[in-house]
């Protein structure tokens, strides 16, 4: 399997993509949905996760940083 095919498979699962990005100290964004609406937004910068948790009415409940 080529690396591009492997990355496409990883991108289908937000938690797996987030874990790979943190382990390899990559930069990017991962969005998780729940019931078809935005639920969590993760902005990863050099392996550090800056996240926001949204309620289902498009309002930010909590922000934070995880390593």
Protein backbone atom coordinates (compact mmCIF):
# COMPACT_ATOMS: atom_id res chain seq x y z
CA UNK A 1 0.00 0.00 0.00
CA UNK A 2 1.36 3.39 -0.94
CA UNK A 3 1.71 6.08 1.66
CA UNK A 4 -0.90 8.29 -0.03
CA UNK A 5 -3.45 5.46 0.12
CA UNK A 6 -2.60 4.86 3.76
CA UNK A 7 -3.05 8.57 4.59
CA UNK A 8 -6.47 8.57 2.89
CA UNK A 9 -7.54 5.63 5.08
CA UNK A 10 -6.28 7.41 8.21
CA UNK A 11 -8.12 10.63 7.27
CA UNK A 12 -11.45 8.76 7.25
CA UNK A 13 -11.24 8.39 11.04
CA UNK A 14 -10.79 11.70 12.91
CA UNK A 15 -9.36 10.19 16.10
CA UNK A 16 -6.76 8.20 14.17
CA UNK A 17 -5.79 11.25 12.14
CA UNK A 18 -5.44 13.32 15.31
CA UNK A 19 -3.24 10.67 16.94
CA UNK A 20 -0.96 10.42 13.90
CA UNK A 21 -0.63 14.19 13.61
CA UNK A 22 0.34 14.48 17.29
CA UNK A 23 2.80 11.58 17.12
CA UNK A 24 4.57 12.90 14.01
CA UNK A 25 4.39 16.55 15.17
CA UNK A 26 2.46 17.63 12.09
CA UNK A 27 0.30 20.72 11.56
CA UNK A 28 -3.33 20.61 10.43
CA UNK A 29 -6.98 20.62 11.42
CA UNK A 30 -9.37 17.83 12.37
CA UNK A 31 -13.14 18.27 12.74
CA UNK A 32 -15.31 15.75 14.56
CA UNK A 33 -19.07 15.66 14.02
CA UNK A 34 -21.93 14.32 16.09
CA UNK A 35 -25.44 13.89 14.66
CA UNK A 36 -24.29 15.67 11.50
CA UNK A 37 -23.21 18.87 13.31
CA UNK A 38 -19.80 20.16 14.29
CA UNK A 39 -18.86 18.90 17.72
CA UNK A 40 -15.08 19.27 18.22
CA UNK A 41 -12.47 21.24 16.32
CA UNK A 42 -8.80 20.34 16.73
CA UNK A 43 -6.08 22.60 15.36
CA UNK A 44 -2.75 20.80 15.66
CA UNK A 45 0.40 22.93 15.46
CA UNK A 46 3.70 21.04 15.60
CA UNK A 47 2.10 18.18 17.54
CA UNK A 48 0.25 20.34 20.10
CA UNK A 49 -3.55 20.07 19.99
CA UNK A 50 -5.60 23.26 20.47
CA UNK A 51 -9.23 22.18 20.69
CA UNK A 52 -12.70 23.72 20.94
CA UNK A 53 -15.80 21.85 22.04
CA UNK A 54 -19.08 23.08 20.54
CA UNK A 55 -22.62 22.43 21.62
CA UNK A 56 -25.02 21.39 18.90
CA UNK A 57 -26.35 24.97 18.64
CA UNK A 58 -23.03 26.32 17.23
CA UNK A 59 -21.74 27.84 20.45
CA UNK A 60 -18.28 27.19 21.95
CA UNK A 61 -18.51 25.51 25.34
CA UNK A 62 -14.86 24.90 26.12
CA UNK A 63 -11.41 25.60 24.68
CA UNK A 64 -8.12 24.08 25.70
CA UNK A 65 -4.71 22.69 24.84
CA UNK A 66 -3.64 19.07 25.11
CA UNK A 67 -0.18 17.67 24.49
